[in-house]
Protein backbone atom coordinates (compact mmCIF):
# COMPACT_ATOMS: atom_id res chain seq x y z
CA UNK A 1 -9.78 6.61 26.16
CA UNK A 2 -8.52 3.27 24.87
CA UNK A 3 -8.53 2.32 21.17
CA UNK A 4 -8.47 -1.27 19.94
CA UNK A 5 -6.69 -2.26 16.69
CA UNK A 6 -7.28 -5.74 15.29
CA UNK A 7 -4.70 -8.00 13.65
CA UNK A 8 -6.09 -7.94 10.10
CA UNK A 9 -3.52 -5.83 8.24
CA UNK A 10 -0.63 -6.84 10.49
CA UNK A 11 -1.10 -10.53 9.71
CA UNK A 12 -1.74 -9.87 6.02
CA UNK A 13 0.76 -7.25 4.83
CA UNK A 14 4.48 -7.63 5.50
CA UNK A 15 5.28 -4.24 3.94
CA UNK A 16 2.95 -1.64 2.50
CA UNK A 17 1.12 1.62 2.95
CA UNK A 18 -1.80 0.44 5.09
CA UNK A 19 0.36 -1.31 7.68
CA UNK A 20 2.66 1.74 7.71
CA UNK A 21 -0.33 3.97 8.37
CA UNK A 22 -1.53 1.97 11.37
CA UNK A 23 1.98 1.35 12.69
CA UNK A 24 2.66 5.08 12.72
CA UNK A 25 -0.58 5.84 14.54
CA UNK A 26 0.07 3.13 17.10
CA UNK A 27 3.67 4.24 17.63
CA UNK A 28 2.67 7.88 18.09
CA UNK A 29 -0.10 7.09 20.57
CA UNK A 30 2.07 4.65 22.50
CA UNK A 31 4.63 7.43 22.90
CA UNK A 32 2.16 10.19 23.77
CA UNK A 33 -0.08 8.05 26.00
CA UNK A 34 -3.33 9.47 24.61
CA UNK A 35 -5.28 7.55 23.59
CA UNK A 36 -4.18 4.29 25.17
CA UNK A 37 -3.59 1.51 22.66
CA UNK A 38 -5.02 -2.00 22.74
CA UNK A 39 -3.58 -4.43 20.19
CA UNK A 40 -5.83 -7.40 19.56
CA UNK A 41 -3.06 -9.78 18.56
CA UNK A 42 0.16 -11.43 19.71
CA UNK A 43 1.49 -12.51 16.31
CA UNK A 44 2.13 -10.39 13.22
CA UNK A 45 4.11 -10.32 9.97
CA UNK A 46 4.35 -6.56 9.36
CA UNK A 47 7.88 -5.18 9.24
CA UNK A 48 6.62 -1.68 10.01
CA UNK A 49 5.29 -2.51 13.49
CA UNK A 50 7.75 -2.29 16.36
CA UNK A 51 8.20 -5.29 18.60
CA UNK A 52 6.50 -5.21 21.97
CA UNK A 53 6.10 -7.26 25.11
CA UNK A 54 4.28 -10.49 24.35
CA UNK A 55 4.28 -9.96 20.56
CA UNK A 56 6.17 -12.03 18.00
CA UNK A 57 6.82 -11.34 14.32
CA UNK A 58 6.32 -14.44 12.20
CA UNK A 59 9.25 -14.86 9.77
CA UNK A 60 8.64 -14.87 6.03
CA UNK A 61 7.73 -18.22 4.49
CA UNK A 62 5.06 -19.47 2.11
CA UNK A 63 1.73 -19.17 3.91
CA UNK A 64 3.14 -17.13 6.83
CA UNK A 65 0.23 -14.67 6.77
CA UNK A 66 -2.40 -17.42 6.89
CA UNK A 67 -0.49 -19.13 9.70
CA UNK A 68 -0.27 -15.83 11.59
CA UNK A 69 -4.03 -15.20 11.29
CA UNK A 70 -4.72 -18.73 12.53
CA UNK A 71 -2.55 -18.16 15.60
CA UNK A 72 -4.15 -14.79 16.36
CA UNK A 73 -7.64 -16.21 16.02
CA UNK A 74 -6.74 -19.05 18.39
CA UNK A 75 -5.48 -16.74 21.15
CA UNK A 76 -7.88 -13.81 20.59
CA UNK A 77 -8.87 -12.09 23.83
CA UNK A 78 -12.07 -10.08 24.47
CA UNK A 79 -11.94 -6.48 23.30
CA UNK A 80 -11.39 -4.15 26.25
CA UNK A 81 -11.43 -0.65 24.80
CA UNK A 82 -13.70 2.32 24.24
CA UNK A 83 -13.35 2.48 20.44
CA UNK A 84 -12.50 -0.11 17.78
CA UNK A 85 -10.45 0.99 14.76
CA UNK A 86 -10.56 -1.90 12.33
CA UNK A 87 -7.47 -2.30 10.14
CA UNK A 88 -8.95 -4.06 7.08
CA UNK A 89 -12.20 -5.41 5.62
CA UNK A 90 -12.42 -9.15 6.33
CA UNK A 91 -16.07 -10.09 7.07
CA UNK A 92 -14.98 -12.49 9.82
CA UNK A 93 -14.02 -9.58 12.09
CA UNK A 94 -16.88 -7.22 11.36
CA UNK A 95 -18.59 -7.85 14.69
CA UNK A 96 -15.37 -7.74 16.75
CA UNK A 97 -15.89 -5.36 19.64
CA UNK A 98 -19.65 -5.78 19.81
CA UNK A 99 -21.52 -2.49 20.04
CA UNK A 100 -18.51 -0.35 20.80
CA UNK A 101 -18.07 2.68 18.52
CA UNK A 102 -16.30 1.67 15.33
CA UNK A 103 -13.91 3.52 13.02
CA UNK A 104 -12.92 2.37 9.54
CA UNK A 105 -10.30 3.95 7.30
CA UNK A 106 -10.89 3.89 3.54
CA UNK A 107 -7.55 4.04 1.78
CA UNK A 108 -8.85 3.88 -1.79
CA UNK A 109 -11.71 2.63 -3.96
CA UNK A 110 -9.47 1.02 -6.56
CA UNK A 111 -11.05 -2.48 -6.67
CA UNK A 112 -14.47 -0.91 -7.11
CA UNK A 113 -13.37 1.58 -9.79
CA UNK A 114 -10.95 -0.73 -11.65
CA UNK A 115 -12.49 -4.23 -11.28
CA UNK A 116 -10.84 -5.45 -14.49
CA UNK A 117 -7.50 -5.52 -12.66
CA UNK A 118 -8.79 -7.89 -9.94
CA UNK A 119 -10.01 -11.49 -10.07
CA UNK A 120 -12.22 -10.60 -7.09
CA UNK A 121 -12.54 -7.63 -4.76
CA UNK A 122 -9.70 -8.03 -2.23
CA UNK A 123 -11.44 -5.63 0.14
CA UNK A 124 -14.19 -8.18 0.70
CA UNK A 125 -16.66 -6.63 3.13
CA UNK A 126 -15.65 -2.97 2.78
CA UNK A 127 -19.24 -1.86 2.19
CA UNK A 128 -20.38 -3.64 5.38
CA UNK A 129 -17.62 -1.97 7.38
CA UNK A 130 -18.62 1.43 5.99
CA UNK A 131 -22.25 0.84 6.93
CA UNK A 132 -21.34 -0.35 10.43
CA UNK A 133 -18.88 2.46 11.17
CA UNK A 134 -19.69 5.37 13.47
CA UNK A 135 -16.96 7.43 11.79
CA UNK A 136 -15.24 6.89 8.44
CA UNK A 137 -11.74 8.21 7.76
CA UNK A 138 -10.79 8.88 4.13
CA UNK A 139 -7.14 9.57 3.35
CA UNK A 140 -7.89 12.16 0.64
CA UNK A 141 -10.73 14.22 -0.75
CA UNK A 142 -10.52 12.05 -3.87
CA UNK A 143 -11.14 8.92 -1.79
CA UNK A 144 -14.07 10.57 -0.02
CA UNK A 145 -15.56 11.65 -3.33
CA UNK A 146 -15.31 8.12 -4.72
CA UNK A 147 -16.63 6.49 -1.55
CA UNK A 148 -19.72 8.70 -1.60
CA UNK A 149 -20.24 8.09 -5.33
CA UNK A 150 -19.85 4.30 -5.19
CA UNK A 151 -21.33 3.37 -1.78
CA UNK A 152 -23.54 6.43 -1.14
CA UNK A 153 -21.80 6.79 2.24
CA UNK A 154 -23.24 9.66 4.32
CA UNK A 155 -20.84 12.62 4.24
CA UNK A 156 -21.72 13.56 7.83
CA UNK A 157 -19.85 10.44 9.02
CA UNK A 158 -16.69 11.08 6.99
CA UNK A 159 -13.46 12.76 8.11
CA UNK A 160 -10.77 13.46 5.50
CA UNK A 161 -7.40 12.97 7.21
CA UNK A 162 -4.29 12.94 5.04
CA UNK A 163 -1.42 10.60 5.76
CA UNK A 164 1.40 11.99 7.87
CA UNK A 165 5.02 11.14 8.57
CA UNK A 166 7.48 12.09 11.28
CA UNK A 167 9.43 14.35 8.94
CA UNK A 168 12.53 14.85 11.10
CA UNK A 169 12.83 11.16 11.88
CA UNK A 170 12.32 10.31 8.20
CA UNK A 171 15.15 12.67 7.26
CA UNK A 172 17.57 11.54 9.93
CA UNK A 173 17.14 7.77 10.16
CA UNK A 174 18.87 6.76 6.93
CA UNK A 175 21.03 3.73 6.14
CA UNK A 176 23.39 3.76 3.11
CA UNK A 177 23.04 1.08 0.46
CA UNK A 178 24.93 0.51 -2.80
CA UNK A 179 23.40 2.63 -5.58
CA UNK A 180 24.16 3.86 -9.11
CA UNK A 181 25.49 7.39 -9.59
CA UNK A 182 22.39 8.64 -11.44
CA UNK A 183 18.97 6.99 -11.27
CA UNK A 184 15.19 7.35 -11.06
CA UNK A 185 13.16 5.43 -8.46
CA UNK A 186 9.87 3.55 -8.79
CA UNK A 187 8.41 2.19 -5.53
CA UNK A 188 6.06 -0.75 -5.00
CA UNK A 189 3.85 -2.94 -7.13
CA UNK A 190 4.11 -2.51 -10.90
CA UNK A 191 1.13 -4.52 -12.18
CA UNK A 192 -2.22 -3.42 -13.57
CA UNK A 193 -3.34 0.09 -12.67
CA UNK A 194 0.16 0.82 -11.29
CA UNK A 195 0.98 1.49 -14.95
CA UNK A 196 4.65 0.52 -14.97
CA UNK A 197 4.60 0.02 -18.75
CA UNK A 198 4.62 3.78 -19.31
CA UNK A 199 7.78 4.03 -17.17
CA UNK A 200 9.51 1.23 -19.08
CA UNK A 201 8.69 2.85 -22.43
CA UNK A 202 9.79 6.31 -21.29
CA UNK A 203 13.07 4.98 -19.91
CA UNK A 204 13.75 3.17 -23.19
CA UNK A 205 13.48 6.55 -24.92
CA UNK A 206 16.03 8.03 -22.50
CA UNK A 207 18.40 5.11 -22.90
CA UNK A 208 18.13 5.30 -26.70
CA UNK A 209 19.21 8.95 -26.38
CA UNK A 210 22.13 7.82 -24.18
CA UNK A 211 21.01 9.84 -21.15
CA UNK A 212 23.28 7.82 -18.84
CA UNK A 213 20.78 7.04 -16.08
CA UNK A 214 19.33 3.92 -14.50
CA UNK A 215 16.00 2.84 -13.06
CA UNK A 216 15.66 1.42 -9.53
CA UNK A 217 12.52 -0.63 -8.86
CA UNK A 218 12.09 -0.72 -5.08
CA UNK A 219 9.94 -3.65 -3.93
CA UNK A 220 7.26 -5.06 -6.19
CA UNK A 221 9.00 -8.40 -6.68
CA UNK A 222 11.34 -9.51 -9.42
CA UNK A 223 10.75 -8.22 -12.92
CA UNK A 224 8.25 -10.40 -14.76
CA UNK A 225 8.91 -12.03 -18.11
CA UNK A 226 6.61 -9.46 -19.76
CA UNK A 227 8.49 -6.58 -18.13
CA UNK A 228 11.84 -7.99 -19.16
CA UNK A 229 10.62 -8.41 -22.72
CA UNK A 230 9.33 -4.84 -22.79
CA UNK A 231 12.65 -3.47 -21.58
CA UNK A 232 14.57 -5.60 -24.07
CA UNK A 233 18.33 -5.09 -24.15
CA UNK A 234 17.96 -2.13 -21.78
CA UNK A 235 17.20 -4.54 -18.93
CA UNK A 236 20.84 -4.07 -17.83
CA UNK A 237 19.91 -0.51 -16.79
CA UNK A 238 17.24 -1.69 -14.34
CA UNK A 239 17.82 -2.81 -10.75
CA UNK A 240 15.14 -4.41 -8.57
CA UNK A 241 15.85 -4.06 -4.85
CA UNK A 242 14.10 -4.95 -1.60
CA UNK A 243 15.64 -2.50 0.87
CA UNK A 244 14.37 -1.78 4.37
CA UNK A 245 12.71 1.54 5.24
CA UNK A 246 15.96 3.30 6.16
CA UNK A 247 17.63 2.19 2.95
CA UNK A 248 14.61 3.37 0.93
CA UNK A 249 15.14 6.83 2.44
CA UNK A 250 18.77 6.79 1.35
CA UNK A 251 17.80 5.84 -2.20
CA UNK A 252 15.19 8.61 -2.36
CA UNK A 253 17.61 11.14 -0.92
CA UNK A 254 20.10 10.56 -3.75
CA UNK A 255 17.68 9.92 -6.64
CA UNK A 256 17.20 12.24 -9.60
CA UNK A 257 13.46 11.82 -8.97
CA UNK A 258 10.70 9.50 -7.81
CA UNK A 259 8.37 8.39 -10.61
CA UNK A 260 4.74 7.63 -9.62
CA UNK A 261 2.85 6.54 -12.77
CA UNK A 262 -0.32 5.00 -11.27
CA UNK A 263 -3.61 5.51 -13.04
CA UNK A 264 -5.16 5.79 -9.59
CA UNK A 265 -4.18 5.97 -5.92
CA UNK A 266 -6.04 6.77 -2.73
CA UNK A 267 -3.20 8.95 -1.43
CA UNK A 268 0.35 8.17 -2.63
CA UNK A 269 2.47 7.92 0.51
CA UNK A 270 5.85 7.80 -1.32
CA UNK A 271 5.16 11.34 -2.57
CA UNK A 272 5.42 12.96 0.85
CA UNK A 273 8.23 10.61 1.83
CA UNK A 274 10.18 11.88 -1.19
CA UNK A 275 9.31 15.49 -0.33
CA UNK A 276 10.85 15.02 3.13
CA UNK A 277 14.14 13.94 1.53
CA UNK A 278 14.39 16.72 -1.08
CA UNK A 279 13.70 14.22 -3.84
CA UNK A 280 11.92 15.70 -6.89
CA UNK A 281 8.69 13.93 -7.81
CA UNK A 282 7.28 13.13 -11.27
CA UNK A 283 3.60 12.20 -11.09
CA UNK A 284 0.84 10.97 -13.35
CA UNK A 285 -1.75 13.69 -13.76
CA UNK A 286 -4.41 11.46 -12.21
CA UNK A 287 -6.64 10.81 -9.18
CA UNK A 288 -5.44 12.37 -5.91
CA UNK A 289 -1.91 13.24 -7.00
CA UNK A 290 -2.53 16.97 -7.67
CA UNK A 291 -4.39 17.17 -4.33
CA UNK A 292 -1.39 15.81 -2.46
CA UNK A 293 1.52 17.33 -4.38
CA UNK A 294 0.10 20.65 -5.59
CA UNK A 295 2.75 22.64 -7.49
CA UNK A 296 5.62 20.65 -5.94
CA UNK A 297 5.69 18.00 -8.67
CA UNK A 298 6.24 17.62 -12.40
CA UNK A 299 3.17 16.03 -14.03
CA UNK A 300 2.72 13.89 -17.15
CA UNK A 301 -0.09 12.19 -19.05
CA UNK A 302 -0.19 8.63 -17.64
CA UNK A 303 -1.14 7.26 -21.08
CA UNK A 304 1.72 9.00 -22.92
CA UNK A 305 5.23 7.55 -22.50
CA UNK A 306 6.73 10.34 -24.62
CA UNK A 307 5.27 12.94 -22.26
CA UNK A 308 6.92 11.16 -19.33
CA UNK A 309 10.20 10.86 -21.26
CA UNK A 310 10.18 14.61 -21.88
CA UNK A 311 9.60 15.32 -18.19
CA UNK A 312 12.41 12.99 -17.11
CA UNK A 313 14.79 14.38 -19.72
CA UNK A 314 14.01 17.90 -18.54
CA UNK A 315 14.92 16.93 -14.98
CA UNK A 316 18.18 15.32 -16.05
CA UNK A 317 19.22 18.40 -17.97
CA UNK A 318 18.14 21.14 -15.55
CA UNK A 319 19.67 21.22 -12.08
CA UNK A 320 17.78 24.42 -11.27
CA UNK A 321 14.47 22.64 -11.93
CA UNK A 322 15.48 19.78 -9.63
CA UNK A 323 16.41 22.24 -6.90
CA UNK A 324 13.17 24.19 -7.34
CA UNK A 325 11.03 21.04 -7.10
CA UNK A 326 12.99 19.86 -4.05
CA UNK A 327 12.43 23.19 -2.31
CA UNK A 328 8.70 23.18 -3.08
CA UNK A 329 8.40 19.61 -1.82
CA UNK A 330 10.27 20.50 1.37
CA UNK A 331 7.81 23.32 2.00
CA UNK A 332 4.75 21.21 1.18
CA UNK A 333 5.63 18.23 3.38
CA UNK A 334 4.98 20.40 6.43
CA UNK A 335 1.26 19.92 5.75
CA UNK A 336 1.64 16.16 6.23
CA UNK A 337 3.10 15.82 9.71
CA UNK A 338 2.37 12.66 11.71
CA UNK A 339 1.37 14.70 14.76
CA UNK A 340 -1.39 16.36 12.72
CA UNK A 341 -2.68 13.03 11.41
CA UNK A 342 -2.67 11.58 14.93
CA UNK A 343 -4.47 14.61 16.43
CA UNK A 344 -7.21 14.58 13.78
CA UNK A 345 -7.64 10.83 14.14
CA UNK A 346 -8.03 11.23 17.90
CA UNK A 347 -10.78 13.79 17.21
CA UNK A 348 -12.51 11.19 15.01
CA UNK A 349 -12.36 8.68 17.89
CA UNK A 350 -13.88 11.23 20.24
CA UNK A 351 -16.62 12.04 17.73
CA UNK A 352 -17.44 8.34 17.39
CA UNK A 353 -18.06 8.15 21.14
């Protein structure tokens, strides 16, 4: 069997969960040889995808993604595969692959459930992809539930397949980077439903109590004027970094905890990545987080900064709690192995045929 992956997410997302997901699948299948992999592009911007013969990563510059898509569209070759696994939801590529069996992965239903946070739906033709798909992969039961509720997608076509990581590789491939002695980590975008304001307010409470810790914002761009104003004079305790994947692992490995405050996520990949590195996790009691983390996390009300401050303070003051959470996370991450994700996805391909 040969599976075709289009260029959509690889020419759109330089770093991020969706391109990580597909890059990990592609890397695993390329190594195992089953199924065979067909990549429908020569140019890409994703930093998660490994280089290969005949492929070129476009360097970062203003408009690099648009330029990359233009190049890939110009040199697009006919699809020669048994199954097409589309990587995003652009209507221009809906018919790519003709009548071959099609797979689509639904990562979340956030634009549909939280439209106020978006000028327009960035997922464009998601509904059309769902209707055209022979099999639909949802990354959590929460995502499946929301897909069925919003789009009335037939459950018989849906496979719930959690994200997976190569746990041993994740633990071992680590690159040191300068870091504070004691800190919490927030990863990714901070705007809108990501709910960073509750983190800023909770950390201000800790700093007012002289807890002697800092906050590392990994990715997500520089702090905005509104964020800086909210943090006030405590801004000196915040660092915004753009490390590579190996450096992110190092930061998680030495953090007091990862904070994930989102009002909603489709899965929450940093949770299992933190578990693999014995990093305690503090999660909003919302959406799929309890499904993914179970009893291996400390939860807080995402609308209550004082509740989060209490949870963070408890972690700072109780080494036994940190060790207990790390041990539970280490045990739980075994349920999210990359080999399991790849095997179940292969079964979905076979079912589509």
